[in-house]
Protein backbone atom coordinates (compact mmCIF):
# COMPACT_ATOMS: atom_id res chain seq x y z
CA MET A 1 7.33 -91.51 25.58
CA SER A 2 9.49 -93.56 27.80
CA THR A 3 13.11 -93.88 26.81
CA SER A 4 15.96 -96.21 27.49
CA THR A 5 17.70 -96.32 30.83
CA ASP A 6 21.10 -97.36 29.48
CA SER A 7 23.93 -96.14 31.66
CA PRO A 8 25.66 -92.86 30.79
CA ARG A 9 29.26 -92.83 29.73
CA ALA A 10 31.88 -93.94 32.24
CA PRO A 11 32.88 -91.56 35.06
CA ARG A 12 35.86 -89.33 34.52
CA PRO A 13 38.36 -88.47 37.26
CA ARG A 14 37.06 -84.99 37.88
CA VAL A 15 36.06 -83.41 41.18
CA GLY A 16 32.46 -82.28 41.52
CA ARG A 17 30.82 -84.23 38.68
CA LEU A 18 28.81 -87.26 39.68
CA ARG A 19 28.16 -89.80 36.92
CA ARG A 20 25.51 -92.24 38.10
CA ARG A 21 23.74 -95.26 36.70
CA PRO A 22 20.03 -94.42 36.32
CA GLY A 23 18.98 -96.59 39.25
CA VAL A 24 21.48 -94.86 41.49
CA ALA A 25 20.47 -91.46 40.15
CA LEU A 26 16.92 -91.88 41.39
CA LEU A 27 18.15 -92.43 44.93
CA ALA A 28 20.79 -89.78 44.84
CA VAL A 29 19.19 -86.60 43.55
CA GLY A 30 17.94 -85.54 46.97
CA ALA A 31 21.44 -85.90 48.34
CA LEU A 32 22.80 -83.89 45.43
CA VAL A 33 20.42 -81.04 46.19
CA ALA A 34 21.61 -81.01 49.78
CA LEU A 35 25.21 -80.96 48.56
CA GLY A 36 24.42 -78.10 46.19
CA ALA A 37 22.85 -76.13 49.03
CA CYS A 38 26.00 -76.27 51.13
CA SER A 39 28.59 -75.89 48.39
CA GLY A 40 27.82 -72.42 47.11
CA GLY A 41 28.82 -69.21 48.79
CA ASP A 42 30.81 -70.69 51.68
CA GLY A 43 34.16 -71.16 49.94
CA SER A 44 34.20 -74.92 50.48
CA ALA A 45 34.21 -75.66 46.74
CA GLY A 46 37.05 -73.34 45.85
CA GLY A 47 35.95 -69.80 46.68
CA ASP A 48 33.08 -67.63 47.85
CA ASP A 49 31.67 -67.47 44.33
CA ASP A 50 31.75 -71.20 43.65
CA VAL A 51 28.34 -72.68 42.92
CA THR A 52 27.09 -76.24 42.55
CA LEU A 53 23.84 -76.81 40.65
CA THR A 54 21.96 -80.08 40.38
CA PHE A 55 20.38 -80.93 37.04
CA ALA A 56 18.12 -83.88 36.19
CA TRP A 57 16.46 -85.09 33.00
CA TRP A 58 14.79 -88.12 31.50
CA GLY A 59 16.16 -89.83 28.42
CA ASP A 60 18.46 -92.50 27.13
CA ALA A 61 22.25 -92.85 26.98
CA SER A 62 22.43 -90.86 23.74
CA ARG A 63 20.68 -87.87 25.32
CA ALA A 64 22.85 -88.24 28.41
CA GLU A 65 26.01 -87.98 26.37
CA ARG A 66 24.76 -84.85 24.62
CA TYR A 67 23.78 -83.22 27.90
CA GLU A 68 27.15 -84.08 29.45
CA LYS A 69 28.98 -82.42 26.57
CA ALA A 70 26.78 -79.35 26.99
CA ILE A 71 27.57 -79.33 30.72
CA ASP A 72 31.29 -79.57 29.97
CA LEU A 73 30.98 -76.56 27.71
CA TYR A 74 29.05 -74.56 30.31
CA GLU A 75 31.56 -75.34 33.05
CA GLU A 76 34.40 -74.38 30.73
CA LYS A 77 32.79 -70.99 30.14
CA ASN A 78 31.77 -70.64 33.80
CA PRO A 79 34.58 -72.20 35.86
CA HIS A 80 32.96 -71.19 39.16
CA VAL A 81 29.96 -73.45 38.44
CA THR A 82 29.81 -77.23 38.84
CA ILE A 83 26.80 -79.09 37.44
CA GLN A 84 25.94 -82.42 39.08
CA SER A 85 23.71 -84.45 36.78
CA SER A 86 21.43 -87.49 36.83
CA TYR A 87 18.84 -89.05 34.54
CA ALA A 88 16.29 -91.86 34.35
CA SER A 89 13.55 -93.29 32.16
CA PHE A 90 10.44 -91.13 31.79
CA ALA A 91 8.30 -93.06 34.30
CA ASP A 92 11.05 -93.47 36.89
CA TYR A 93 12.05 -89.85 36.44
CA TRP A 94 8.65 -88.56 37.53
CA THR A 95 8.44 -91.00 40.41
CA SER A 96 11.68 -89.50 41.69
CA ARG A 97 10.60 -85.88 41.10
CA ASN A 98 7.31 -86.46 42.93
CA THR A 99 9.18 -87.85 45.92
CA GLU A 100 11.55 -84.87 45.95
CA ALA A 101 8.70 -82.40 45.56
CA ALA A 102 7.05 -83.82 48.66
CA SER A 103 10.21 -83.17 50.67
CA GLY A 104 11.09 -79.83 49.07
CA SER A 105 14.30 -81.16 47.54
CA LEU A 106 13.83 -80.81 43.78
CA PRO A 107 16.96 -80.35 41.64
CA ASP A 108 17.97 -76.75 40.98
CA VAL A 109 17.15 -77.26 37.28
CA PHE A 110 15.24 -80.15 35.82
CA GLN A 111 13.64 -81.20 32.57
CA MET A 112 9.91 -80.57 32.50
CA ASP A 113 7.10 -82.10 30.45
CA VAL A 114 4.03 -79.99 29.71
CA SER A 115 1.82 -82.72 31.21
CA TYR A 116 3.34 -82.03 34.63
CA LEU A 117 3.70 -78.25 34.41
CA SER A 118 0.41 -77.44 36.15
CA GLN A 119 1.14 -79.92 38.93
CA TYR A 120 4.48 -78.33 39.79
CA GLY A 121 3.70 -74.76 38.74
CA GLY A 122 0.31 -74.58 40.40
CA SER A 123 1.67 -75.74 43.75
CA GLY A 124 4.57 -73.29 43.83
CA GLN A 125 7.24 -76.00 43.62
CA ILE A 126 8.93 -74.40 40.61
CA ALA A 127 10.02 -70.81 40.33
CA ALA A 128 8.40 -68.14 38.18
CA LEU A 129 10.91 -67.10 35.52
CA ASP A 130 9.22 -63.92 34.27
CA ASP A 131 11.77 -61.56 35.81
CA PHE A 132 14.65 -63.49 34.26
CA ALA A 133 12.92 -63.32 30.87
CA GLU A 134 12.22 -59.61 31.23
CA ASP A 135 15.80 -58.70 32.08
CA GLY A 136 17.24 -60.99 29.39
CA THR A 137 18.95 -63.46 31.69
CA ILE A 138 16.79 -66.03 29.91
CA ASP A 139 16.34 -64.82 26.35
CA ILE A 140 12.95 -65.81 24.95
CA SER A 141 12.73 -62.91 22.50
CA THR A 142 12.89 -65.22 19.46
CA PHE A 143 10.53 -67.90 20.79
CA PRO A 144 7.28 -68.25 18.74
CA GLU A 145 4.46 -66.59 20.66
CA ASN A 146 1.93 -69.24 19.68
CA VAL A 147 3.92 -71.86 21.62
CA MET A 148 4.45 -69.91 24.85
CA PRO A 149 1.01 -70.53 26.42
CA ALA A 150 2.27 -74.07 27.05
CA ALA A 151 5.03 -72.64 29.27
CA LYS A 152 2.78 -70.72 31.65
CA VAL A 153 0.62 -71.60 34.65
CA ASP A 154 -1.74 -68.98 36.11
CA GLY A 155 -0.10 -66.43 33.84
CA ARG A 156 3.39 -67.09 35.21
CA LEU A 157 6.26 -68.35 33.07
CA VAL A 158 7.39 -71.55 34.80
CA GLY A 159 8.94 -73.55 31.97
CA ILE A 160 11.41 -72.63 29.26
CA PRO A 161 10.90 -74.70 26.09
CA THR A 162 14.08 -75.84 24.41
CA SER A 163 12.45 -77.40 21.36
CA THR A 164 9.13 -78.16 19.80
CA GLY A 165 7.81 -81.53 18.74
CA GLY A 166 4.83 -83.01 17.02
CA ILE A 167 3.41 -86.25 15.71
CA ALA A 168 4.48 -87.70 12.37
CA ASN A 169 3.27 -90.75 10.49
CA PHE A 170 6.32 -92.97 9.88
CA PHE A 171 6.60 -95.55 7.09
CA SER A 172 9.49 -97.99 6.72
CA THR A 173 10.04 -97.69 2.99
CA GLY A 174 12.23 -100.79 2.76
CA LEU A 175 9.71 -103.01 4.51
CA PHE A 176 6.87 -101.68 2.37
CA ASP A 177 8.88 -102.52 -0.74
CA ASP A 178 9.71 -106.00 0.58
CA LEU A 179 6.02 -106.67 1.22
CA GLY A 180 4.86 -105.29 -2.11
CA VAL A 181 2.70 -102.63 -0.45
CA ALA A 182 2.81 -99.12 -1.88
CA VAL A 183 4.26 -96.50 0.46
CA PRO A 184 1.53 -93.91 1.02
CA ALA A 185 2.02 -90.43 -0.35
CA GLY A 186 0.02 -87.33 0.44
CA ASP A 187 -2.88 -87.07 2.83
CA LEU A 188 -4.65 -90.07 4.36
CA THR A 189 -7.96 -90.29 6.17
CA TRP A 190 -8.07 -92.42 9.30
CA ASP A 191 -9.86 -95.22 7.45
CA GLN A 192 -7.34 -95.08 4.62
CA TYR A 193 -4.49 -95.34 7.11
CA ASP A 194 -6.11 -98.31 8.81
CA ASP A 195 -6.50 -99.93 5.39
CA VAL A 196 -2.77 -99.47 4.75
CA LEU A 197 -1.99 -101.14 8.10
CA SER A 198 -4.28 -104.04 7.23
CA GLN A 199 -2.55 -104.47 3.86
CA VAL A 200 0.81 -104.64 5.63
CA GLY A 201 -0.57 -107.16 8.12
CA ALA A 202 -1.85 -109.39 5.34
CA ALA A 203 1.33 -109.17 3.27
CA GLY A 204 3.57 -109.51 6.32
CA ALA A 205 1.93 -112.65 7.71
CA ASP A 206 4.24 -114.87 5.62
CA HIS A 207 7.30 -112.65 5.95
CA ASP A 208 10.23 -113.92 8.01
CA PRO A 209 10.02 -112.47 10.56
CA GLU A 210 6.33 -111.58 10.50
CA VAL A 211 5.60 -107.91 9.94
CA ASN A 212 2.55 -106.11 11.31
CA GLY A 213 1.17 -102.75 10.32
CA SER A 214 1.81 -100.69 13.45
CA THR A 215 1.88 -100.54 17.17
CA GLN A 216 -1.49 -99.85 18.79
CA TYR A 217 -1.81 -96.14 18.06
CA VAL A 218 -5.07 -95.86 20.02
CA GLN A 219 -3.06 -96.17 23.25
CA ILE A 220 -1.17 -92.92 22.55
CA LEU A 221 -2.87 -89.97 24.23
CA SER A 222 -1.16 -87.42 21.96
CA VAL A 223 -2.65 -89.14 18.91
CA PHE A 224 -6.09 -89.28 20.55
CA GLU A 225 -5.73 -85.53 21.20
CA ILE A 226 -5.24 -84.93 17.45
CA TRP A 227 -8.31 -87.00 16.61
CA LEU A 228 -10.38 -85.13 19.21
CA ALA A 229 -9.27 -81.74 17.89
CA GLN A 230 -10.30 -82.80 14.39
CA HIS A 231 -13.75 -83.41 15.87
CA GLY A 232 -13.90 -80.04 17.59
CA LYS A 233 -13.04 -81.34 21.05
CA ALA A 234 -10.07 -81.32 23.42
CA LEU A 235 -8.57 -83.54 26.08
CA TYR A 236 -9.48 -81.02 28.78
CA THR A 237 -11.91 -78.17 29.24
CA PRO A 238 -10.69 -74.71 30.33
CA ASP A 239 -11.76 -75.48 33.89
CA GLY A 240 -9.68 -78.66 33.99
CA ALA A 241 -12.25 -81.41 33.40
CA LEU A 242 -12.18 -84.10 30.71
CA GLY A 243 -13.19 -82.57 27.40
CA PHE A 244 -14.59 -85.70 25.76
CA THR A 245 -17.32 -88.25 26.41
CA GLU A 246 -17.46 -91.98 26.98
CA ALA A 247 -18.84 -92.31 23.46
CA ASP A 248 -15.81 -90.48 22.03
CA LEU A 249 -13.38 -92.76 23.83
CA ALA A 250 -15.30 -95.90 22.88
CA GLU A 251 -15.26 -94.87 19.20
CA TRP A 252 -11.52 -94.28 19.40
CA TRP A 253 -10.56 -97.48 21.19
CA GLN A 254 -12.87 -99.55 18.96
CA ARG A 255 -10.67 -98.65 15.99
CA ALA A 256 -8.23 -101.25 17.33
CA THR A 257 -10.54 -104.26 17.17
CA PRO A 258 -10.36 -105.04 13.41
CA LEU A 259 -6.67 -104.12 13.28
CA PHE A 260 -5.72 -106.67 15.91
CA ALA A 261 -7.76 -109.24 14.01
CA ASP A 262 -6.00 -108.80 10.65
CA GLY A 263 -2.44 -107.99 11.73
CA GLY A 264 -2.80 -104.27 11.26
CA PHE A 265 -1.68 -103.91 14.89
CA VAL A 266 1.11 -105.97 16.39
CA ASP A 267 0.15 -108.41 19.14
CA PRO A 268 1.15 -106.69 22.42
CA LYS A 269 2.56 -109.99 23.69
CA ARG A 270 4.95 -110.06 20.74
CA ALA A 271 5.95 -106.45 21.28
CA GLU A 272 6.55 -107.16 24.96
CA GLN A 273 9.17 -109.77 24.03
CA LEU A 274 11.35 -107.00 22.58
CA ASN A 275 12.11 -105.78 26.12
CA GLY A 276 11.45 -102.14 25.40
CA ALA A 277 12.97 -101.94 21.91
CA ASP A 278 10.97 -99.95 19.36
CA VAL A 279 8.86 -102.30 17.26
CA LEU A 280 9.30 -100.03 14.24
CA GLY A 281 13.07 -99.84 14.62
CA ALA A 282 13.20 -103.61 15.07
CA GLY A 283 11.33 -104.22 11.81
CA VAL A 284 8.39 -105.87 13.59
CA THR A 285 6.06 -103.17 12.25
CA ALA A 286 6.20 -100.99 9.15
CA SER A 287 4.50 -97.82 10.38
CA GLU A 288 3.97 -95.76 13.50
CA LEU A 289 2.41 -92.53 14.65
CA SER A 290 5.06 -91.01 16.89
CA PHE A 291 7.03 -87.84 17.58
CA TYR A 292 8.95 -86.72 14.51
CA ASN A 293 12.30 -86.43 16.29
CA PHE A 294 12.20 -90.21 16.87
CA LEU A 295 13.35 -90.63 13.27
CA VAL A 296 16.95 -91.00 14.47
CA ARG A 297 15.97 -93.59 17.06
CA PHE A 298 13.97 -95.65 14.58
CA SER A 299 16.73 -95.43 11.98
CA GLU A 300 19.27 -96.67 14.52
CA GLY A 301 17.08 -99.65 15.45
CA SER A 302 18.22 -103.20 14.88
CA ALA A 303 16.46 -103.38 11.50
CA GLY A 304 17.87 -100.08 10.26
CA GLY A 305 16.32 -98.84 7.05
CA LYS A 306 14.86 -95.58 5.82
CA PHE A 307 11.58 -93.94 6.74
CA ALA A 308 9.16 -91.58 5.06
CA MET A 309 7.21 -89.13 7.22
CA LEU A 310 3.73 -87.84 6.46
CA LEU A 311 1.35 -85.66 8.43
CA PRO A 312 -1.01 -87.68 10.66
CA PRO A 313 -4.31 -88.83 9.17
CA ALA A 314 -7.14 -86.31 8.90
CA ASP A 315 -10.62 -86.75 7.50
CA ASP A 316 -10.68 -83.02 6.73
CA THR A 317 -7.31 -81.47 5.83
CA ALA A 318 -8.70 -78.03 6.69
CA ASN A 319 -8.86 -79.20 10.30
CA ARG A 320 -5.79 -81.28 11.12
CA GLY A 321 -5.83 -80.71 14.88
CA LEU A 322 -2.06 -80.22 14.96
CA TYR A 323 0.11 -77.86 16.98
CA LEU A 324 3.75 -77.52 17.97
CA LYS A 325 4.20 -79.01 21.41
CA PRO A 326 7.18 -78.11 23.59
CA SER A 327 8.96 -81.44 23.45
CA LEU A 328 11.14 -80.49 26.40
CA GLU A 329 11.02 -77.64 28.90
CA LEU A 330 13.37 -76.65 31.70
CA SER A 331 12.15 -75.54 35.11
CA MET A 332 13.85 -74.18 38.23
CA SER A 333 13.18 -75.39 41.75
CA ALA A 334 11.48 -72.76 43.90
CA THR A 335 13.91 -73.65 46.68
CA THR A 336 17.16 -73.29 44.73
CA GLU A 337 19.76 -71.23 46.55
CA HIS A 338 21.27 -70.10 43.24
CA PRO A 339 18.42 -68.74 41.08
CA GLU A 340 20.64 -66.41 39.02
CA GLU A 341 23.06 -69.19 38.10
CA ALA A 342 20.21 -71.62 37.47
CA ALA A 343 18.59 -69.09 35.13
CA ARG A 344 21.85 -68.59 33.22
CA PHE A 345 22.23 -72.34 32.82
CA ILE A 346 18.67 -72.66 31.51
CA ASP A 347 19.34 -69.88 29.00
CA PHE A 348 22.52 -71.62 27.91
CA ILE A 349 20.80 -74.96 27.25
CA ALA A 350 17.96 -73.25 25.37
CA ASN A 351 19.88 -70.70 23.29
CA ASP A 352 23.56 -71.54 22.93
CA PRO A 353 24.46 -72.37 19.29
CA GLU A 354 27.12 -74.90 20.31
CA VAL A 355 24.63 -76.76 22.48
CA SER A 356 22.22 -76.73 19.57
CA LYS A 357 24.84 -78.27 17.29
CA GLU A 358 25.48 -80.99 19.86
CA PHE A 359 21.81 -81.97 20.14
CA GLY A 360 20.92 -81.43 16.51
CA LEU A 361 17.27 -82.38 16.00
CA SER A 362 17.29 -85.13 18.63
CA ARG A 363 15.10 -83.02 20.96
CA GLY A 364 12.98 -81.72 18.12
CA ALA A 365 13.48 -78.41 16.35
CA PRO A 366 15.09 -75.77 18.59
CA ILE A 367 12.62 -73.11 19.66
CA SER A 368 15.33 -70.44 19.85
CA GLN A 369 16.13 -68.78 16.54
CA PRO A 370 19.91 -68.56 17.24
CA ALA A 371 19.88 -72.24 18.18
CA LEU A 372 17.94 -73.08 15.02
CA ASP A 373 20.19 -70.94 12.81
CA ALA A 374 23.26 -72.74 14.16
CA LEU A 375 22.18 -76.02 12.62
CA GLU A 376 23.50 -77.20 9.29
CA PRO A 377 21.30 -80.26 8.99
CA GLU A 378 22.24 -83.19 6.82
CA GLY A 379 20.82 -86.66 6.41
CA LEU A 380 18.29 -87.54 9.08
CA ASP A 381 18.47 -84.11 10.70
CA LYS A 382 17.55 -82.47 7.41
CA GLN A 383 14.64 -84.88 6.99
CA ILE A 384 13.44 -84.03 10.48
CA LEU A 385 13.73 -80.28 9.88
CA ASP A 386 11.93 -80.57 6.54
CA TYR A 387 9.05 -82.33 8.29
CA TRP A 388 9.02 -79.77 11.10
CA GLU A 389 8.67 -76.98 8.54
CA GLN A 390 5.74 -78.81 6.95
CA LEU A 391 4.12 -79.27 10.37
CA ALA A 392 4.74 -75.66 11.38
CA GLU A 393 2.85 -74.43 8.30
CA VAL A 394 -0.38 -76.15 9.36
CA ALA A 395 -0.02 -75.99 13.17
CA GLY A 396 -2.50 -74.04 15.24
CA ASP A 397 -1.94 -72.35 18.59
CA THR A 398 -0.41 -74.51 21.29
CA PRO A 399 -2.90 -75.07 24.12
CA PRO A 400 -2.04 -74.13 27.71
CA PRO A 401 -0.65 -76.84 29.98
CA PRO A 402 -3.17 -79.52 30.91
CA PRO A 403 -4.55 -79.50 34.46
CA GLU A 404 -2.77 -80.94 37.47
CA GLY A 405 -2.98 -84.71 37.38
CA ALA A 406 -2.81 -84.91 33.58
CA GLY A 407 0.35 -87.00 33.77
CA ALA A 408 -1.45 -89.60 35.86
CA VAL A 409 -4.40 -89.53 33.47
CA GLU A 410 -2.07 -90.26 30.55
CA VAL A 411 -0.62 -93.25 32.40
CA GLU A 412 -4.13 -94.55 33.11
CA PHE A 413 -5.21 -94.01 29.51
CA THR A 414 -2.27 -96.01 28.18
CA ARG A 415 -2.62 -98.76 30.79
CA ILE A 416 -6.29 -99.42 30.03
CA ALA A 417 -5.73 -99.27 26.26
CA GLN A 418 -2.97 -101.84 26.66
CA ASP A 419 -5.26 -104.05 28.73
CA ILE A 420 -7.74 -103.93 25.85
CA GLY A 421 -4.94 -104.87 23.47
CA PHE A 422 -3.92 -107.81 25.65
CA GLY A 423 -7.54 -108.93 25.77
CA THR A 424 -7.85 -108.68 29.54
CA THR A 425 -10.67 -106.14 29.34
CA SER A 426 -13.26 -105.12 26.76
CA VAL A 427 -13.57 -101.70 25.16
CA ASP A 428 -16.82 -101.00 27.03
CA ASP A 429 -15.38 -102.04 30.38
CA GLY A 430 -12.19 -100.12 29.67
CA VAL A 431 -14.12 -96.95 28.93
CA LYS A 432 -16.12 -97.32 32.14
CA GLU A 433 -12.95 -97.92 34.12
CA PHE A 434 -11.26 -94.85 32.66
CA PHE A 435 -14.19 -92.56 33.41
CA SER A 436 -14.47 -93.94 36.92
CA THR A 437 -10.83 -93.15 37.75
CA ALA A 438 -9.49 -90.37 35.50
CA PRO A 439 -11.77 -87.47 36.63
CA GLY A 440 -10.67 -87.98 40.23
CA MET A 441 -7.01 -87.65 39.21
CA LEU A 442 -7.51 -84.09 37.96
CA GLY A 443 -7.35 -80.88 39.91
């Protein structure tokens, strides 16, 4: 899920807006919060009603530019408010938020991932937003009810989803044609999908450059979650423990062994040489299980090309294990001195039609009906929305947020799976290592 840390657009000569390179942003957010605390209500920023809010998110330069345009629009409509913004890569972003949480200096508004909602919501570090939803300051009246459990902790609304995401199975149609491998159509079982990846690996061995089937999908916790649900299990139990066994994880990670052997999976050492570029977008692989809104990112990769999207593999199509996941949520610091203004800003980002037009489908499909209705999708956006509609038809209820520590568990899951891919540990040893560390990270 990590994204690029390219710098945002160049600073403009405007008082109150701080444009920062991502590395600087990580160091500066705490200072921005302090500045926000002293700039509102004392007249120092242009009047007793002037307010400064700090806002942080993770993402790449493209997302930064969209957010900055949305901020410009909000400030234009609310001239007494100044938004000071910063962003970072996903991993660095949470390192910074954890540091701020420890010192009580979280940004007034910040982007939230469902994996971290219990950690921040359960400890009282983010504000309950129920009153703002009830009085309409934050309008959630059009949000699908089956998604909202993922926005609550202990029955309190602590995150406002702006969009919903889900996993799609991507296929680079041009590469498949070049390799003489038929682009799949319709439903695939897991074994059938693996067979397609192996066919690509075999055909791509003599291609210049070499083409492999896919990145190592067994390292992606969201994909493992789908597979578990198809087997009647979940990542976590209702009481916050792991919901699967060592045997389950071993079966899952062992799927990688034959695929690394025949080129179905790309060698992690080769992928590492791309310095963070998407292997699918670079034409190194021909398929990937990833979030559907990444279609734009893959299409804008160095290899370009067009992509087909299918639903993820399922051995039983009556039980696909799929749901609509809030791809992004917004939360409010419990210590903000401007809760009313922060709530209005959250509502604006989630519901405003002009903001929706600016983001398009880059965040996933808007959860707000007015935001969704504002879109006139064409090209890639239409392809994304068409897939979202297909996914929404088969999606079940969204589960509640995972327990506190789930974010750290996901990092551990990916790290060990990558170690297996690099050959530095075996599947059996990796499973033992995971079960020796992950349970202690929860709760």
